[in-house]
Amino acid sequence: MFDHISIQTQDPSAAAAFYDAVLAPLGAGRVLDFGEVIGYGSTGPAFWLGPTTGGEAREMHIAFAAADRATVDAFHEAAVEAGAQVLHAPRLWPEYHGSYYGAFVRDPDGNNVEAVCHRPDGPE
């Protein structure tokens, strides 16, 4: 639905280190880097980080697509290694639909960041 999205961060260096770690298992990385403004993606920038420009950053929920459940697990492991607060470890969320498999963590700015797979590719 969207072409790209940008979020604000209080600490661009900390946010960049976090997203470098958690987006790698999802097949994404830095594709443009302007110092405090960084674009992530697999071919072009789809997810941007930028410094807060007036007041505090507001909490957002961001869900990144994962190719399979193992990738959701790898995202979760990378987030834990990066020091993220775990909101929900990887699991099925049948209240969304029968094969919704996701993990939720907090980024350095307090955003709720998720990796989700919609494929029924694992034991239920």
C-alpha atoms as a PDB file:
ATOM      1  CA  MET A   1       0.000   0.000   0.000  1.00  0.00           C
ATOM      2  CA  PHE A   2       2.707   2.513   0.832  1.00  0.00           C
ATOM      3  CA  ASP A   3       5.746   3.495  -1.216  1.00  0.00           C
ATOM      4  CA  HIS A   4       7.839   4.440   1.805  1.00  0.00           C
ATOM      5  CA  ILE A   5       7.520   5.498   5.430  1.00  0.00           C
ATOM      6  CA  SER A   6       9.709   7.645   7.657  1.00  0.00           C
ATOM      7  CA  ILE A   7       9.925   7.744  11.436  1.00  0.00           C
ATOM      8  CA  GLN A   8      11.585  10.226  13.738  1.00  0.00           C
ATOM      9  CA  THR A   9      14.208   9.261  16.284  1.00  0.00           C
ATOM     10  CA  GLN A  10      15.692  10.984  19.326  1.00  0.00           C
ATOM     11  CA  ASP A  11      19.060   9.259  18.757  1.00  0.00           C
ATOM     12  CA  PRO A  12      19.772   8.547  15.079  1.00  0.00           C
ATOM     13  CA  SER A  13      22.921   6.529  15.848  1.00  0.00           C
ATOM     14  CA  ALA A  14      21.149   4.198  18.303  1.00  0.00           C
ATOM     15  CA  ALA A  15      18.158   3.799  15.988  1.00  0.00           C
ATOM     16  CA  ALA A  16      20.421   3.061  13.002  1.00  0.00           C
ATOM     17  CA  ALA A  17      22.323   0.390  14.951  1.00  0.00           C
ATOM     18  CA  PHE A  18      19.025  -1.230  15.975  1.00  0.00           C
ATOM     19  CA  TYR A  19      17.529  -1.227  12.465  1.00  0.00           C
ATOM     20  CA  ASP A  20      20.816  -2.384  10.910  1.00  0.00           C
ATOM     21  CA  ALA A  21      20.567  -5.456  13.162  1.00  0.00           C
ATOM     22  CA  VAL A  22      16.856  -6.284  12.904  1.00  0.00           C
ATOM     23  CA  LEU A  23      16.323  -5.576   9.207  1.00  0.00           C
ATOM     24  CA  ALA A  24      19.254  -7.739   8.063  1.00  0.00           C
ATOM     25  CA  PRO A  25      17.393 -11.035   8.729  1.00  0.00           C
ATOM     26  CA  LEU A  26      14.491  -9.626   6.704  1.00  0.00           C
ATOM     27  CA  GLY A  27      16.764  -9.044   3.699  1.00  0.00           C
ATOM     28  CA  ALA A  28      16.917  -5.253   4.043  1.00  0.00           C
ATOM     29  CA  GLY A  29      19.719  -2.853   4.827  1.00  0.00           C
ATOM     30  CA  ARG A  30      20.907   0.695   4.312  1.00  0.00           C
ATOM     31  CA  VAL A  31      20.478   1.761   0.712  1.00  0.00           C
ATOM     32  CA  LEU A  32      20.924   5.508   1.288  1.00  0.00           C
ATOM     33  CA  ASP A  33      22.780   7.181   4.144  1.00  0.00           C
ATOM     34  CA  PHE A  34      22.822  10.942   4.636  1.00  0.00           C
ATOM     35  CA  GLY A  35      24.249  10.849   8.164  1.00  0.00           C
ATOM     36  CA  GLU A  36      21.249  11.363  10.442  1.00  0.00           C
ATOM     37  CA  VAL A  37      18.797  10.429   7.661  1.00  0.00           C
ATOM     38  CA  ILE A  38      18.999   6.811   6.525  1.00  0.00           C
ATOM     39  CA  GLY A  39      16.938   4.897   3.985  1.00  0.00           C
ATOM     40  CA  TYR A  40      16.501   1.115   4.321  1.00  0.00           C
ATOM     41  CA  GLY A  41      15.223  -1.405   1.829  1.00  0.00           C
ATOM     42  CA  SER A  42      16.164  -4.339  -0.347  1.00  0.00           C
ATOM     43  CA  THR A  43      16.379  -2.482  -3.680  1.00  0.00           C
ATOM     44  CA  GLY A  44      15.392   1.101  -2.898  1.00  0.00           C
ATOM     45  CA  PRO A  45      14.576   3.032   0.268  1.00  0.00           C
ATOM     46  CA  ALA A  46      11.191   2.086   1.708  1.00  0.00           C
ATOM     47  CA  PHE A  47      11.811   2.755   5.405  1.00  0.00           C
ATOM     48  CA  TRP A  48      13.485   5.974   6.534  1.00  0.00           C
ATOM     49  CA  LEU A  49      14.926   7.182   9.843  1.00  0.00           C
ATOM     50  CA  GLY A  50      15.334  10.869  10.584  1.00  0.00           C
ATOM     51  CA  PRO A  51      16.011  13.014  13.629  1.00  0.00           C
ATOM     52  CA  THR A  52      13.143  14.423  15.670  1.00  0.00           C
ATOM     53  CA  THR A  53      12.577  17.991  14.506  1.00  0.00           C
ATOM     54  CA  GLY A  54      10.300  19.503  17.112  1.00  0.00           C
ATOM     55  CA  GLY A  55       9.370  17.885  20.356  1.00  0.00           C
ATOM     56  CA  GLU A  56       9.322  14.227  21.143  1.00  0.00           C
ATOM     57  CA  ALA A  57       8.876  11.382  18.723  1.00  0.00           C
ATOM     58  CA  ARG A  58       5.464   9.719  18.992  1.00  0.00           C
ATOM     59  CA  GLU A  59       5.132   5.960  19.383  1.00  0.00           C
ATOM     60  CA  MET A  60       4.317   4.093  16.194  1.00  0.00           C
ATOM     61  CA  HIS A  61       3.599   0.494  15.313  1.00  0.00           C
ATOM     62  CA  ILE A  62       5.653  -0.760  12.384  1.00  0.00           C
ATOM     63  CA  ALA A  63       5.237  -4.270  10.962  1.00  0.00           C
ATOM     64  CA  PHE A  64       7.826  -5.651   8.557  1.00  0.00           C
ATOM     65  CA  ALA A  65       6.958  -8.574   6.273  1.00  0.00           C
ATOM     66  CA  ALA A  66       8.953 -11.761   6.776  1.00  0.00           C
ATOM     67  CA  ALA A  67       9.234 -14.474   4.124  1.00  0.00           C
ATOM     68  CA  ASP A  68       8.731 -17.304   6.613  1.00  0.00           C
ATOM     69  CA  ARG A  69       8.522 -18.088  10.317  1.00  0.00           C
ATOM     70  CA  ALA A  70      12.253 -18.747  10.596  1.00  0.00           C
ATOM     71  CA  THR A  71      12.826 -15.167   9.459  1.00  0.00           C
ATOM     72  CA  VAL A  72      10.492 -13.879  12.199  1.00  0.00           C
ATOM     73  CA  ASP A  73      12.538 -15.902  14.681  1.00  0.00           C
ATOM     74  CA  ALA A  74      15.796 -14.463  13.280  1.00  0.00           C
ATOM     75  CA  PHE A  75      14.386 -10.919  13.553  1.00  0.00           C
ATOM     76  CA  HIS A  76      13.493 -11.598  17.192  1.00  0.00           C
ATOM     77  CA  GLU A  77      16.969 -13.006  17.954  1.00  0.00           C
ATOM     78  CA  ALA A  78      18.641  -9.990  16.316  1.00  0.00           C
ATOM     79  CA  ALA A  79      16.433  -7.603  18.294  1.00  0.00           C
ATOM     80  CA  VAL A  80      17.257  -9.341  21.587  1.00  0.00           C
ATOM     81  CA  GLU A  81      20.980  -9.234  20.743  1.00  0.00           C
ATOM     82  CA  ALA A  82      20.592  -5.513  19.973  1.00  0.00           C
ATOM     83  CA  GLY A  83      19.120  -4.983  23.467  1.00  0.00           C
ATOM     84  CA  ALA A  84      15.487  -4.472  22.482  1.00  0.00           C
ATOM     85  CA  GLN A  85      12.681  -4.882  24.985  1.00  0.00           C
ATOM     86  CA  VAL A  86      10.636  -7.895  23.936  1.00  0.00           C
ATOM     87  CA  LEU A  87       6.919  -7.170  23.858  1.00  0.00           C
ATOM     88  CA  HIS A  88       5.912 -10.580  22.472  1.00  0.00           C
ATOM     89  CA  ALA A  89       8.204 -13.462  21.518  1.00  0.00           C
ATOM     90  CA  PRO A  90       7.470 -15.151  18.181  1.00  0.00           C
ATOM     91  CA  ARG A  91       4.191 -17.041  18.180  1.00  0.00           C
ATOM     92  CA  LEU A  92       0.966 -17.596  16.308  1.00  0.00           C
ATOM     93  CA  TRP A  93      -1.707 -14.922  16.678  1.00  0.00           C
ATOM     94  CA  PRO A  94      -4.916 -16.789  15.715  1.00  0.00           C
ATOM     95  CA  GLU A  95      -7.053 -13.816  16.710  1.00  0.00           C
ATOM     96  CA  TYR A  96      -5.697 -12.092  13.559  1.00  0.00           C
ATOM     97  CA  HIS A  97      -5.868 -15.230  11.361  1.00  0.00           C
ATOM     98  CA  GLY A  98      -4.828 -18.863  11.592  1.00  0.00           C
ATOM     99  CA  SER A  99      -1.318 -18.501  10.163  1.00  0.00           C
ATOM    100  CA  TYR A 100      -0.376 -15.032  11.496  1.00  0.00           C
ATOM    101  CA  TYR A 101       3.075 -15.543  13.074  1.00  0.00           C
ATOM    102  CA  GLY A 102       4.711 -12.482  14.595  1.00  0.00           C
ATOM    103  CA  ALA A 103       7.213 -11.118  17.085  1.00  0.00           C
ATOM    104  CA  PHE A 104       7.023  -7.644  18.670  1.00  0.00           C
ATOM    105  CA  VAL A 105       9.844  -5.564  20.219  1.00  0.00           C
ATOM    106  CA  ARG A 106      10.527  -1.936  21.173  1.00  0.00           C
ATOM    107  CA  ASP A 107      13.092   0.070  19.229  1.00  0.00           C
ATOM    108  CA  PRO A 108      15.355   2.616  20.996  1.00  0.00           C
ATOM    109  CA  ASP A 109      12.638   5.294  20.683  1.00  0.00           C
ATOM    110  CA  GLY A 110       9.890   3.110  22.150  1.00  0.00           C
ATOM    111  CA  ASN A 111       8.192   2.188  18.868  1.00  0.00           C
ATOM    112  CA  ASN A 112       6.418  -1.168  18.663  1.00  0.00           C
ATOM    113  CA  VAL A 113       8.268  -2.991  15.871  1.00  0.00           C
ATOM    114  CA  GLU A 114       7.011  -6.295  14.503  1.00  0.00           C
ATOM    115  CA  ALA A 115       8.111  -8.911  12.019  1.00  0.00           C
ATOM    116  CA  VAL A 116       5.204 -10.955  10.651  1.00  0.00           C
ATOM    117  CA  CYS A 117       4.739 -13.941   8.362  1.00  0.00           C
ATOM    118  CA  HIS A 118       1.294 -14.802   7.011  1.00  0.00           C
ATOM    119  CA  ARG A 119       2.279 -18.162   5.487  1.00  0.00           C
ATOM    120  CA  PRO A 120       1.261 -21.424   7.159  1.00  0.00           C
ATOM    121  CA  ASP A 121       4.790 -22.849   6.939  1.00  0.00           C
ATOM    122  CA  GLY A 122       5.316 -24.311  10.376  1.00  0.00           C
ATOM    123  CA  PRO A 123       3.769 -26.438  13.093  1.00  0.00           C
ATOM    124  CA  GLU A 124       0.692 -24.910  14.600  1.00  0.00           C
END
